[in-house]
């Protein structure tokens, strides 16, 4: 009998060590704690915020269910649409222009992020020159941006500043556009980033 109880106890201990633990944060949000020290919001939030689509040939892609729109002004006609996509080895953030105007993003153009705690982070456009105004960056260990992804997973973005390039009187000029996230948008983006990067 003692051997049976000992085997049962070892079996339960082994399952507990491998399984994820669900916890509730101080502000009432449910999270899943992984054995490797990482965490993610509980599936309920992830299922509401992300979706996986299957394409012809069986290829799948997981992304935010809907983009977060950030506007230049109160008219809500100009600005960027922020999409988050789970790549094979990275998280992809793409800021695309809402309106169709020809302004460019240079290769390695900076994207400045300001967080609610006052800290800042600079990301670089990882594509070629883009004169549709689309800014893309890839975040993850294989892209040498794992540290930046860690910051994005642990903080909420308050403000985004993107450097654009345009021509004026035949000369190239650089200018920055700022976009402020509401508290709800910052919270939603933080959840999406955690859902797609775990």
N, C-alpha and C. Protein backbone atom coordinates (compact mmCIF):
# COMPACT_ATOMS: atom_id res chain seq x y z
N UNK A 1 0.82 -1.19 0.00
CA UNK A 1 0.00 0.00 0.00
C UNK A 1 0.87 1.25 0.00
N UNK A 2 1.97 1.22 0.80
CA UNK A 2 2.85 2.38 0.86
C UNK A 2 3.48 2.63 -0.51
N UNK A 3 3.83 1.55 -1.23
CA UNK A 3 4.44 1.70 -2.55
C UNK A 3 3.45 2.34 -3.53
N UNK A 4 2.20 1.96 -3.44
CA UNK A 4 1.19 2.52 -4.33
C UNK A 4 1.03 4.01 -4.05
N UNK A 5 0.96 4.39 -2.77
CA UNK A 5 0.82 5.80 -2.40
C UNK A 5 2.04 6.61 -2.84
N UNK A 6 3.24 6.03 -2.67
CA UNK A 6 4.47 6.72 -3.09
C UNK A 6 4.49 6.93 -4.60
N UNK A 7 4.11 5.91 -5.37
CA UNK A 7 4.07 6.03 -6.84
C UNK A 7 3.04 7.08 -7.26
N UNK A 8 1.88 7.09 -6.61
CA UNK A 8 0.84 8.08 -6.94
C UNK A 8 1.33 9.49 -6.64
N UNK A 9 2.00 9.67 -5.51
CA UNK A 9 2.53 10.99 -5.14
C UNK A 9 3.57 11.46 -6.15
N UNK A 10 4.48 10.55 -6.57
CA UNK A 10 5.49 10.91 -7.56
C UNK A 10 4.85 11.26 -8.90
N UNK A 11 3.81 10.55 -9.29
CA UNK A 11 3.11 10.81 -10.55
C UNK A 11 2.47 12.21 -10.52
N UNK A 12 1.79 12.53 -9.43
CA UNK A 12 1.15 13.85 -9.29
C UNK A 12 2.20 14.95 -9.28
N UNK A 13 3.31 14.75 -8.60
CA UNK A 13 4.39 15.75 -8.54
C UNK A 13 4.99 15.98 -9.92
N UNK A 14 5.15 14.89 -10.69
CA UNK A 14 5.70 15.03 -12.04
C UNK A 14 4.76 15.82 -12.93
N UNK A 15 3.48 15.54 -12.89
CA UNK A 15 2.50 16.26 -13.69
C UNK A 15 2.48 17.73 -13.28
N UNK A 16 2.53 18.02 -12.00
CA UNK A 16 2.51 19.40 -11.51
C UNK A 16 3.72 20.18 -12.00
N UNK A 17 4.87 19.53 -12.08
CA UNK A 17 6.10 20.22 -12.50
C UNK A 17 6.05 20.59 -13.97
N UNK A 18 5.38 19.76 -14.79
CA UNK A 18 5.33 20.01 -16.22
C UNK A 18 4.18 20.94 -16.60
N UNK A 19 3.08 20.88 -15.88
CA UNK A 19 1.87 21.62 -16.24
C UNK A 19 2.04 23.11 -16.01
N UNK A 20 1.19 23.86 -16.71
CA UNK A 20 1.16 25.30 -16.51
C UNK A 20 0.31 25.62 -15.29
N UNK A 21 0.58 26.76 -14.69
CA UNK A 21 -0.17 27.20 -13.54
C UNK A 21 -0.94 28.45 -13.91
N UNK A 22 -2.22 28.48 -13.57
CA UNK A 22 -3.01 29.67 -13.84
C UNK A 22 -3.03 30.52 -12.58
N UNK A 23 -2.88 31.83 -12.75
CA UNK A 23 -2.87 32.75 -11.61
C UNK A 23 -3.69 33.99 -11.97
N UNK A 24 -3.98 34.79 -10.97
CA UNK A 24 -4.70 36.04 -11.17
C UNK A 24 -3.84 37.19 -10.69
N UNK A 25 -3.69 38.21 -11.53
CA UNK A 25 -2.87 39.37 -11.17
C UNK A 25 -3.62 40.24 -10.17
N UNK A 26 -2.93 41.22 -9.59
CA UNK A 26 -3.55 42.13 -8.62
C UNK A 26 -4.74 42.88 -9.20
N UNK A 27 -4.68 43.15 -10.52
CA UNK A 27 -5.79 43.87 -11.14
C UNK A 27 -6.86 42.93 -11.73
N UNK A 28 -6.81 41.64 -11.35
CA UNK A 28 -7.88 40.71 -11.69
C UNK A 28 -7.76 39.98 -13.01
N UNK A 29 -6.65 40.13 -13.72
CA UNK A 29 -6.48 39.47 -15.01
C UNK A 29 -5.90 38.08 -14.81
N UNK A 30 -6.42 37.11 -15.57
CA UNK A 30 -5.93 35.73 -15.46
C UNK A 30 -4.73 35.55 -16.39
N UNK A 31 -3.67 34.93 -15.84
CA UNK A 31 -2.47 34.64 -16.62
C UNK A 31 -2.09 33.19 -16.43
N UNK A 32 -1.32 32.67 -17.40
CA UNK A 32 -0.80 31.32 -17.32
C UNK A 32 0.70 31.43 -17.10
N UNK A 33 1.20 30.79 -16.02
CA UNK A 33 2.63 30.81 -15.71
C UNK A 33 3.23 29.52 -16.25
N UNK A 34 4.23 29.66 -17.11
CA UNK A 34 4.89 28.50 -17.70
C UNK A 34 6.08 28.07 -16.86
N UNK A 35 6.45 26.81 -16.95
CA UNK A 35 7.55 26.28 -16.13
C UNK A 35 8.90 26.91 -16.48
N UNK A 36 9.03 27.53 -17.68
CA UNK A 36 10.29 28.16 -18.07
C UNK A 36 10.40 29.62 -17.61
N UNK A 37 9.43 30.07 -16.81
CA UNK A 37 9.48 31.42 -16.28
C UNK A 37 8.73 32.45 -17.10
N UNK A 38 8.21 32.08 -18.27
CA UNK A 38 7.44 33.01 -19.09
C UNK A 38 5.98 32.95 -18.68
N UNK A 39 5.21 33.91 -19.17
CA UNK A 39 3.78 33.92 -18.86
C UNK A 39 3.02 34.47 -20.05
N UNK A 40 1.70 34.24 -20.06
CA UNK A 40 0.83 34.79 -21.10
C UNK A 40 -0.54 35.01 -20.48
N UNK A 41 -1.30 35.89 -21.07
CA UNK A 41 -2.68 36.04 -20.62
C UNK A 41 -3.43 34.75 -20.88
N UNK A 42 -4.41 34.44 -20.02
CA UNK A 42 -5.18 33.21 -20.16
C UNK A 42 -5.85 33.17 -21.52
N UNK A 43 -6.10 31.97 -22.03
CA UNK A 43 -6.61 31.78 -23.38
C UNK A 43 -7.86 32.59 -23.68
N UNK A 44 -8.68 32.85 -22.67
CA UNK A 44 -9.89 33.62 -22.92
C UNK A 44 -9.57 34.93 -23.60
N UNK A 45 -8.56 35.66 -23.10
CA UNK A 45 -8.16 36.92 -23.72
C UNK A 45 -7.55 36.67 -25.08
N UNK A 46 -6.70 35.66 -25.19
CA UNK A 46 -6.03 35.38 -26.47
C UNK A 46 -7.04 34.99 -27.54
N UNK A 47 -8.05 34.21 -27.18
CA UNK A 47 -9.07 33.81 -28.16
C UNK A 47 -9.89 35.00 -28.63
N UNK A 48 -10.07 35.99 -27.76
CA UNK A 48 -10.82 37.18 -28.14
C UNK A 48 -10.00 38.13 -29.01
N UNK A 49 -8.68 38.14 -28.82
CA UNK A 49 -7.83 39.14 -29.46
C UNK A 49 -7.06 38.64 -30.68
N UNK A 50 -6.87 37.33 -30.80
CA UNK A 50 -6.09 36.79 -31.91
C UNK A 50 -6.89 35.74 -32.67
N UNK A 51 -6.43 35.46 -33.90
CA UNK A 51 -7.07 34.44 -34.71
C UNK A 51 -6.03 33.73 -35.55
N UNK A 52 -6.32 32.48 -35.88
CA UNK A 52 -5.44 31.71 -36.76
C UNK A 52 -6.22 31.39 -38.02
N UNK A 53 -5.65 31.78 -39.16
CA UNK A 53 -6.28 31.51 -40.45
C UNK A 53 -5.48 30.44 -41.17
N UNK A 54 -6.18 29.56 -41.86
CA UNK A 54 -5.55 28.52 -42.67
C UNK A 54 -5.76 28.87 -44.14
N UNK A 55 -4.67 28.87 -44.89
CA UNK A 55 -4.71 29.24 -46.30
C UNK A 55 -4.57 28.01 -47.18
N UNK A 56 -4.79 28.18 -48.48
CA UNK A 56 -4.65 27.10 -49.44
C UNK A 56 -3.28 26.46 -49.28
N UNK A 57 -3.24 25.15 -49.25
CA UNK A 57 -1.98 24.43 -49.07
C UNK A 57 -1.71 24.11 -47.61
N UNK A 58 -2.60 24.56 -46.71
CA UNK A 58 -2.46 24.24 -45.29
C UNK A 58 -1.63 25.18 -44.46
N UNK A 59 -1.09 26.23 -45.07
CA UNK A 59 -0.29 27.19 -44.31
C UNK A 59 -1.19 27.98 -43.37
N UNK A 60 -0.73 28.17 -42.13
CA UNK A 60 -1.52 28.93 -41.16
C UNK A 60 -0.79 30.20 -40.74
N UNK A 61 -1.57 31.19 -40.30
CA UNK A 61 -1.00 32.43 -39.80
C UNK A 61 -1.84 32.90 -38.62
N UNK A 62 -1.16 33.22 -37.52
CA UNK A 62 -1.84 33.74 -36.34
C UNK A 62 -1.52 35.22 -36.23
N UNK A 63 -2.57 36.01 -36.01
CA UNK A 63 -2.39 37.46 -35.92
C UNK A 63 -3.46 38.06 -35.02
N UNK A 64 -3.35 39.37 -34.80
CA UNK A 64 -4.40 40.08 -34.07
C UNK A 64 -5.68 39.98 -34.89
N UNK A 65 -6.83 39.85 -34.22
CA UNK A 65 -8.10 39.75 -34.94
C UNK A 65 -8.39 41.01 -35.73
N UNK A 66 -8.05 42.14 -35.16
CA UNK A 66 -8.27 43.40 -35.86
C UNK A 66 -7.13 44.36 -35.53
N UNK A 67 -6.77 45.21 -36.50
CA UNK A 67 -5.68 46.15 -36.24
C UNK A 67 -6.10 47.23 -35.25
N UNK A 68 -5.12 47.83 -34.63
CA UNK A 68 -5.35 48.98 -33.75
C UNK A 68 -5.10 50.22 -34.60
N UNK A 69 -6.08 51.11 -34.68
CA UNK A 69 -5.94 52.31 -35.51
C UNK A 69 -5.54 53.50 -34.66
N UNK A 70 -4.47 54.16 -35.10
CA UNK A 70 -3.94 55.34 -34.41
C UNK A 70 -4.04 56.51 -35.38
N UNK A 71 -4.71 57.58 -34.98
CA UNK A 71 -4.98 58.69 -35.88
C UNK A 71 -4.08 59.89 -35.62
N UNK A 72 -3.81 60.65 -36.71
CA UNK A 72 -3.01 61.86 -36.62
C UNK A 72 -3.75 62.97 -35.86
N UNK A 73 -5.07 63.02 -36.07
CA UNK A 73 -5.86 64.10 -35.46
C UNK A 73 -7.28 63.64 -35.22
N UNK A 74 -8.11 64.54 -34.77
CA UNK A 74 -9.49 64.20 -34.41
C UNK A 74 -10.36 63.85 -35.61
N UNK A 75 -9.92 64.16 -36.83
CA UNK A 75 -10.73 63.87 -38.02
C UNK A 75 -10.86 62.36 -38.26
N UNK A 76 -9.95 61.58 -37.69
CA UNK A 76 -9.95 60.11 -37.85
C UNK A 76 -9.87 59.69 -39.31
N UNK A 77 -9.18 60.50 -40.14
CA UNK A 77 -9.03 60.16 -41.55
C UNK A 77 -7.59 59.82 -41.90
N UNK A 78 -6.64 60.29 -41.11
CA UNK A 78 -5.24 60.01 -41.40
C UNK A 78 -4.59 59.36 -40.18
N UNK A 79 -3.65 58.50 -40.44
CA UNK A 79 -2.96 57.83 -39.34
C UNK A 79 -2.41 56.49 -39.78
N UNK A 80 -2.20 55.60 -38.81
CA UNK A 80 -1.67 54.28 -39.10
C UNK A 80 -2.55 53.20 -38.51
N UNK A 81 -2.47 52.04 -39.14
CA UNK A 81 -3.17 50.85 -38.68
C UNK A 81 -2.10 49.87 -38.22
N UNK A 82 -2.10 49.51 -36.96
CA UNK A 82 -1.07 48.65 -36.37
C UNK A 82 -1.54 47.20 -36.36
N UNK A 83 -0.81 46.35 -37.08
CA UNK A 83 -1.08 44.92 -37.11
C UNK A 83 0.04 44.17 -36.40
N UNK A 84 -0.30 43.10 -35.71
CA UNK A 84 0.69 42.22 -35.06
C UNK A 84 0.47 40.82 -35.60
N UNK A 85 1.56 40.18 -36.04
CA UNK A 85 1.50 38.85 -36.67
C UNK A 85 2.55 37.95 -36.04
N UNK A 86 2.21 36.70 -35.82
CA UNK A 86 3.16 35.73 -35.31
C UNK A 86 3.87 35.08 -36.49
N UNK A 87 5.16 35.40 -36.65
CA UNK A 87 5.96 34.78 -37.70
C UNK A 87 6.52 33.45 -37.23
N UNK A 88 7.23 32.75 -38.10
CA UNK A 88 7.78 31.44 -37.75
C UNK A 88 8.83 31.55 -36.64
N UNK A 89 9.55 32.66 -36.58
CA UNK A 89 10.57 32.81 -35.54
C UNK A 89 10.57 34.18 -34.90
N UNK A 90 9.52 34.96 -35.14
CA UNK A 90 9.49 36.31 -34.58
C UNK A 90 8.07 36.85 -34.53
N UNK A 91 7.92 37.93 -33.79
CA UNK A 91 6.68 38.69 -33.76
C UNK A 91 6.87 39.84 -34.75
N UNK A 92 5.93 40.05 -35.63
CA UNK A 92 6.04 41.11 -36.63
C UNK A 92 5.05 42.21 -36.28
N UNK A 93 5.56 43.44 -36.17
CA UNK A 93 4.70 44.60 -35.99
C UNK A 93 4.74 45.39 -37.29
N UNK A 94 3.57 45.72 -37.82
CA UNK A 94 3.50 46.48 -39.06
C UNK A 94 2.58 47.68 -38.86
N UNK A 95 3.12 48.86 -39.13
CA UNK A 95 2.36 50.11 -39.07
C UNK A 95 2.12 50.55 -40.51
N UNK A 96 0.89 50.43 -41.00
CA UNK A 96 0.57 50.82 -42.37
C UNK A 96 -0.27 52.08 -42.38
N UNK A 97 -0.06 52.94 -43.37
CA UNK A 97 -0.84 54.17 -43.48
C UNK A 97 -2.30 53.83 -43.77
N UNK A 98 -3.22 54.55 -43.10
CA UNK A 98 -4.65 54.36 -43.32
C UNK A 98 -5.05 54.98 -44.66
N UNK A 99 -4.57 56.19 -44.92
CA UNK A 99 -4.91 56.88 -46.16
C UNK A 99 -3.86 56.59 -47.22
N UNK A 100 -4.19 56.80 -48.45
CA UNK A 100 -3.26 56.52 -49.55
C UNK A 100 -2.51 57.79 -49.93
N UNK A 101 -1.41 58.05 -49.24
CA UNK A 101 -0.56 59.17 -49.58
C UNK A 101 0.85 58.65 -49.77
N UNK A 102 1.59 59.30 -50.62
CA UNK A 102 2.94 58.83 -50.95
C UNK A 102 3.97 59.48 -50.03
N UNK A 103 4.20 58.86 -48.89
CA UNK A 103 5.32 59.24 -48.03
C UNK A 103 6.12 57.98 -47.78
N UNK A 104 7.41 58.15 -47.61
CA UNK A 104 8.30 56.99 -47.56
C UNK A 104 8.82 56.69 -46.17
N UNK A 105 9.17 55.43 -45.99
CA UNK A 105 9.90 54.96 -44.81
C UNK A 105 11.24 54.46 -45.34
N UNK A 106 12.31 55.09 -44.90
CA UNK A 106 13.65 54.65 -45.32
C UNK A 106 14.04 53.36 -44.62
N UNK A 107 14.94 52.60 -45.25
CA UNK A 107 15.51 51.42 -44.59
C UNK A 107 16.16 51.89 -43.29
N UNK A 108 15.91 51.16 -42.20
CA UNK A 108 16.43 51.45 -40.86
C UNK A 108 15.86 52.72 -40.24
N UNK A 109 14.76 53.25 -40.77
CA UNK A 109 14.12 54.43 -40.16
C UNK A 109 13.70 54.08 -38.74
N UNK A 110 13.81 55.03 -37.80
CA UNK A 110 13.47 54.72 -36.41
C UNK A 110 11.97 54.82 -36.11
N UNK A 111 11.56 53.97 -35.20
CA UNK A 111 10.24 54.01 -34.59
C UNK A 111 10.49 54.17 -33.10
N UNK A 112 10.10 55.30 -32.54
CA UNK A 112 10.32 55.56 -31.12
C UNK A 112 9.06 55.22 -30.34
N UNK A 113 9.22 54.38 -29.33
CA UNK A 113 8.10 54.00 -28.45
C UNK A 113 8.31 54.61 -27.08
N UNK A 114 7.26 55.19 -26.54
CA UNK A 114 7.28 55.68 -25.16
C UNK A 114 6.26 54.88 -24.38
N UNK A 115 6.68 54.38 -23.21
CA UNK A 115 5.81 53.53 -22.40
C UNK A 115 5.14 54.33 -21.29
N UNK A 116 4.13 53.75 -20.69
CA UNK A 116 3.38 54.44 -19.64
C UNK A 116 4.24 54.74 -18.42
N UNK A 117 5.34 54.00 -18.23
CA UNK A 117 6.22 54.27 -17.09
C UNK A 117 7.29 55.33 -17.41
N UNK A 118 7.22 55.93 -18.62
CA UNK A 118 8.15 56.98 -19.00
C UNK A 118 9.40 56.50 -19.73
N UNK A 119 9.65 55.19 -19.76
CA UNK A 119 10.83 54.68 -20.47
C UNK A 119 10.57 54.67 -21.98
N UNK A 120 11.65 54.56 -22.75
CA UNK A 120 11.54 54.61 -24.21
C UNK A 120 12.31 53.46 -24.84
N UNK A 121 11.95 53.16 -26.08
CA UNK A 121 12.60 52.11 -26.84
C UNK A 121 12.58 52.52 -28.31
N UNK A 122 13.69 52.30 -29.02
CA UNK A 122 13.76 52.61 -30.45
C UNK A 122 13.86 51.30 -31.23
N UNK A 123 12.97 51.13 -32.21
CA UNK A 123 13.02 50.00 -33.12
C UNK A 123 13.35 50.54 -34.52
N UNK A 124 13.87 49.69 -35.38
CA UNK A 124 14.24 50.10 -36.74
C UNK A 124 13.36 49.39 -37.77
N UNK A 125 13.03 50.12 -38.84
CA UNK A 125 12.31 49.53 -39.98
C UNK A 125 13.21 48.48 -40.61
N UNK A 126 12.72 47.24 -40.73
CA UNK A 126 13.56 46.14 -41.19
C UNK A 126 13.29 45.77 -42.64
N UNK A 127 12.65 46.64 -43.37
CA UNK A 127 12.43 46.39 -44.79
C UNK A 127 13.24 47.38 -45.61
N UNK A 128 13.05 47.31 -46.90
CA UNK A 128 13.68 48.26 -47.82
C UNK A 128 12.89 49.56 -47.80
N UNK A 129 13.32 50.53 -48.59
CA UNK A 129 12.59 51.78 -48.75
C UNK A 129 11.15 51.47 -49.12
N UNK A 130 10.19 52.06 -48.41
CA UNK A 130 8.77 51.80 -48.64
C UNK A 130 8.05 53.13 -48.81
N UNK A 131 7.62 53.43 -50.04
CA UNK A 131 6.96 54.71 -50.30
C UNK A 131 5.44 54.61 -50.24
N UNK A 132 4.93 53.57 -49.57
CA UNK A 132 3.52 53.51 -49.23
C UNK A 132 3.35 53.85 -47.75
N UNK A 133 4.47 54.13 -47.08
CA UNK A 133 4.42 54.53 -45.67
C UNK A 133 4.26 53.39 -44.70
N UNK A 134 4.65 52.17 -45.09
CA UNK A 134 4.52 51.01 -44.20
C UNK A 134 5.81 50.76 -43.44
N UNK A 135 5.71 50.69 -42.12
CA UNK A 135 6.85 50.42 -41.25
C UNK A 135 6.71 49.01 -40.70
N UNK A 136 7.76 48.18 -40.82
CA UNK A 136 7.72 46.81 -40.30
C UNK A 136 8.95 46.52 -39.46
N UNK A 137 8.74 45.80 -38.36
CA UNK A 137 9.89 45.32 -37.57
C UNK A 137 9.59 43.92 -37.08
N UNK A 138 10.66 43.13 -36.95
CA UNK A 138 10.58 41.73 -36.55
C UNK A 138 11.26 41.59 -35.20
N UNK A 139 10.56 40.99 -34.24
CA UNK A 139 11.06 40.92 -32.88
C UNK A 139 11.19 39.47 -32.41
N UNK A 140 12.39 39.10 -31.98
CA UNK A 140 12.63 37.75 -31.49
C UNK A 140 14.12 37.47 -31.42
N UNK A 141 14.47 36.39 -30.76
CA UNK A 141 15.88 36.03 -30.57
C UNK A 141 16.61 35.84 -31.89
N UNK A 142 15.98 35.18 -32.87
CA UNK A 142 16.65 34.93 -34.14
C UNK A 142 16.88 36.20 -34.95
N UNK A 143 16.16 37.26 -34.61
CA UNK A 143 16.33 38.54 -35.31
C UNK A 143 17.22 39.49 -34.50
N UNK A 144 17.82 38.97 -33.42
CA UNK A 144 18.64 39.78 -32.50
C UNK A 144 17.86 40.92 -31.86
N UNK A 145 16.56 40.71 -31.69
CA UNK A 145 15.71 41.71 -31.05
C UNK A 145 14.90 41.08 -29.92
N UNK A 146 15.45 40.03 -29.32
CA UNK A 146 14.77 39.36 -28.21
C UNK A 146 14.62 40.27 -27.00
N UNK A 147 15.63 41.09 -26.73
CA UNK A 147 15.59 42.00 -25.59
C UNK A 147 14.46 43.02 -25.78
N UNK A 148 14.34 43.54 -27.00
CA UNK A 148 13.28 44.51 -27.31
C UNK A 148 11.90 43.88 -27.16
N UNK A 149 11.76 42.62 -27.60
CA UNK A 149 10.49 41.91 -27.45
C UNK A 149 10.16 41.74 -25.97
N UNK A 150 11.18 41.43 -25.17
CA UNK A 150 10.96 41.30 -23.73
C UNK A 150 10.42 42.59 -23.11
N UNK A 151 10.94 43.71 -23.57
CA UNK A 151 10.44 45.01 -23.07
C UNK A 151 8.99 45.21 -23.48
N UNK A 152 8.68 44.92 -24.75
CA UNK A 152 7.31 45.09 -25.23
C UNK A 152 6.32 44.18 -24.50
N UNK A 153 6.77 42.99 -24.09
CA UNK A 153 5.90 42.06 -23.37
C UNK A 153 5.62 42.52 -21.95
N UNK A 154 6.51 43.32 -21.39
CA UNK A 154 6.37 43.68 -19.98
C UNK A 154 5.85 45.10 -19.74
N UNK A 155 5.69 45.91 -20.81
CA UNK A 155 5.27 47.30 -20.64
C UNK A 155 4.14 47.64 -21.58
N UNK A 156 3.48 48.75 -21.29
CA UNK A 156 2.38 49.22 -22.14
C UNK A 156 2.82 50.47 -22.89
N UNK A 157 2.58 50.48 -24.20
CA UNK A 157 2.97 51.62 -25.04
C UNK A 157 1.97 52.75 -24.86
N UNK A 158 2.51 53.96 -24.73
CA UNK A 158 1.69 55.16 -24.58
C UNK A 158 1.73 56.01 -25.86
N UNK A 159 2.90 56.04 -26.52
CA UNK A 159 3.07 56.91 -27.68
C UNK A 159 4.03 56.27 -28.68
N UNK A 160 3.72 56.46 -29.97
CA UNK A 160 4.52 55.94 -31.06
C UNK A 160 4.93 57.11 -31.95
N UNK A 161 6.21 57.19 -32.32
CA UNK A 161 6.69 58.23 -33.24
C UNK A 161 7.43 57.54 -34.39
N UNK A 162 6.98 57.81 -35.61
CA UNK A 162 7.57 57.19 -36.80
C UNK A 162 8.24 58.25 -37.66
N UNK A 163 9.44 57.95 -38.14
CA UNK A 163 10.15 58.88 -39.02
C UNK A 163 9.81 58.58 -40.48
N UNK A 164 9.29 59.58 -41.17
CA UNK A 164 8.94 59.48 -42.58
C UNK A 164 9.90 60.35 -43.40
N UNK A 165 9.91 60.11 -44.71
CA UNK A 165 10.71 60.91 -45.64
C UNK A 165 9.80 61.37 -46.77
N UNK A 166 9.96 62.61 -47.18
CA UNK A 166 9.18 63.16 -48.28
C UNK A 166 10.07 64.12 -49.07
N UNK A 167 9.58 64.58 -50.20
CA UNK A 167 10.35 65.58 -50.95
C UNK A 167 9.60 66.91 -50.91
N UNK A 168 10.35 67.97 -50.79
CA UNK A 168 9.78 69.31 -50.77
C UNK A 168 10.68 70.23 -51.58
N UNK A 169 10.14 70.82 -52.64
CA UNK A 169 10.93 71.68 -53.53
C UNK A 169 12.17 70.96 -54.06
N UNK A 170 12.02 69.67 -54.37
CA UNK A 170 13.13 68.90 -54.92
C UNK A 170 14.13 68.39 -53.90
N UNK A 171 13.94 68.75 -52.63
CA UNK A 171 14.86 68.30 -51.58
C UNK A 171 14.17 67.25 -50.71
N UNK A 172 14.96 66.28 -50.23
CA UNK A 172 14.42 65.24 -49.34
C UNK A 172 14.40 65.78 -47.92
N UNK A 173 13.27 65.61 -47.26
CA UNK A 173 13.18 66.04 -45.86
C UNK A 173 12.64 64.89 -45.01
N UNK A 174 13.11 64.84 -43.78
CA UNK A 174 12.63 63.85 -42.82
C UNK A 174 11.72 64.55 -41.83
N UNK A 175 10.67 63.85 -41.44
CA UNK A 175 9.77 64.40 -40.42
C UNK A 175 9.19 63.24 -39.62
N UNK A 176 8.71 63.56 -38.43
CA UNK A 176 8.19 62.55 -37.52
C UNK A 176 6.71 62.78 -37.27
N UNK A 177 5.95 61.70 -37.25
CA UNK A 177 4.53 61.76 -36.88
C UNK A 177 4.36 61.01 -35.57
N UNK A 178 3.63 61.62 -34.66
CA UNK A 178 3.38 61.03 -33.34
C UNK A 178 1.95 60.50 -33.26
N UNK A 179 1.80 59.36 -32.62
CA UNK A 179 0.50 58.75 -32.42
C UNK A 179 0.39 58.34 -30.95
N UNK A 180 -0.69 58.76 -30.29
CA UNK A 180 -0.88 58.44 -28.88
C UNK A 180 -1.93 57.34 -28.75
N UNK A 181 -1.60 56.33 -27.95
CA UNK A 181 -2.53 55.24 -27.70
C UNK A 181 -3.38 55.58 -26.48
N UNK A 182 -4.65 55.24 -26.53
CA UNK A 182 -5.48 55.36 -25.34
C UNK A 182 -5.05 54.28 -24.36
N UNK A 183 -5.47 54.39 -23.11
CA UNK A 183 -5.13 53.36 -22.12
C UNK A 183 -5.66 52.00 -22.57
N UNK A 184 -6.86 51.97 -23.14
CA UNK A 184 -7.44 50.71 -23.62
C UNK A 184 -6.64 50.11 -24.78
N UNK A 185 -6.17 50.98 -25.70
CA UNK A 185 -5.36 50.49 -26.81
C UNK A 185 -4.02 49.93 -26.32
N UNK A 186 -3.40 50.62 -25.35
CA UNK A 186 -2.14 50.14 -24.79
C UNK A 186 -2.30 48.80 -24.11
N UNK A 187 -3.39 48.64 -23.37
CA UNK A 187 -3.68 47.37 -22.69
C UNK A 187 -3.93 46.26 -23.71
N UNK A 188 -4.72 46.56 -24.73
CA UNK A 188 -5.04 45.58 -25.76
C UNK A 188 -3.79 45.15 -26.51
N UNK A 189 -2.95 46.11 -26.89
CA UNK A 189 -1.72 45.78 -27.62
C UNK A 189 -0.79 44.94 -26.77
N UNK A 190 -0.69 45.24 -25.48
CA UNK A 190 0.15 44.46 -24.58
C UNK A 190 -0.33 43.01 -24.52
N UNK A 191 -1.63 42.82 -24.45
CA UNK A 191 -2.19 41.46 -24.42
C UNK A 191 -1.92 40.73 -25.74
N UNK A 192 -2.11 41.42 -26.85
CA UNK A 192 -1.88 40.82 -28.17
C UNK A 192 -0.43 40.38 -28.31
N UNK A 193 0.50 41.25 -27.93
CA UNK A 193 1.94 40.93 -28.01
C UNK A 193 2.25 39.69 -27.19
N UNK A 194 1.71 39.61 -25.98
CA UNK A 194 1.96 38.44 -25.13
C UNK A 194 1.32 37.19 -25.71
N UNK A 195 0.12 37.31 -26.25
CA UNK A 195 -0.55 36.14 -26.85
C UNK A 195 0.23 35.61 -28.05
N UNK A 196 0.74 36.51 -28.89
CA UNK A 196 1.40 36.08 -30.13
C UNK A 196 2.86 35.69 -29.93
N UNK A 197 3.45 36.05 -28.82
CA UNK A 197 4.89 35.74 -28.64
C UNK A 197 5.12 34.59 -27.68
N UNK A 198 4.08 33.94 -27.21
CA UNK A 198 4.24 32.76 -26.33
C UNK A 198 3.84 31.50 -27.05
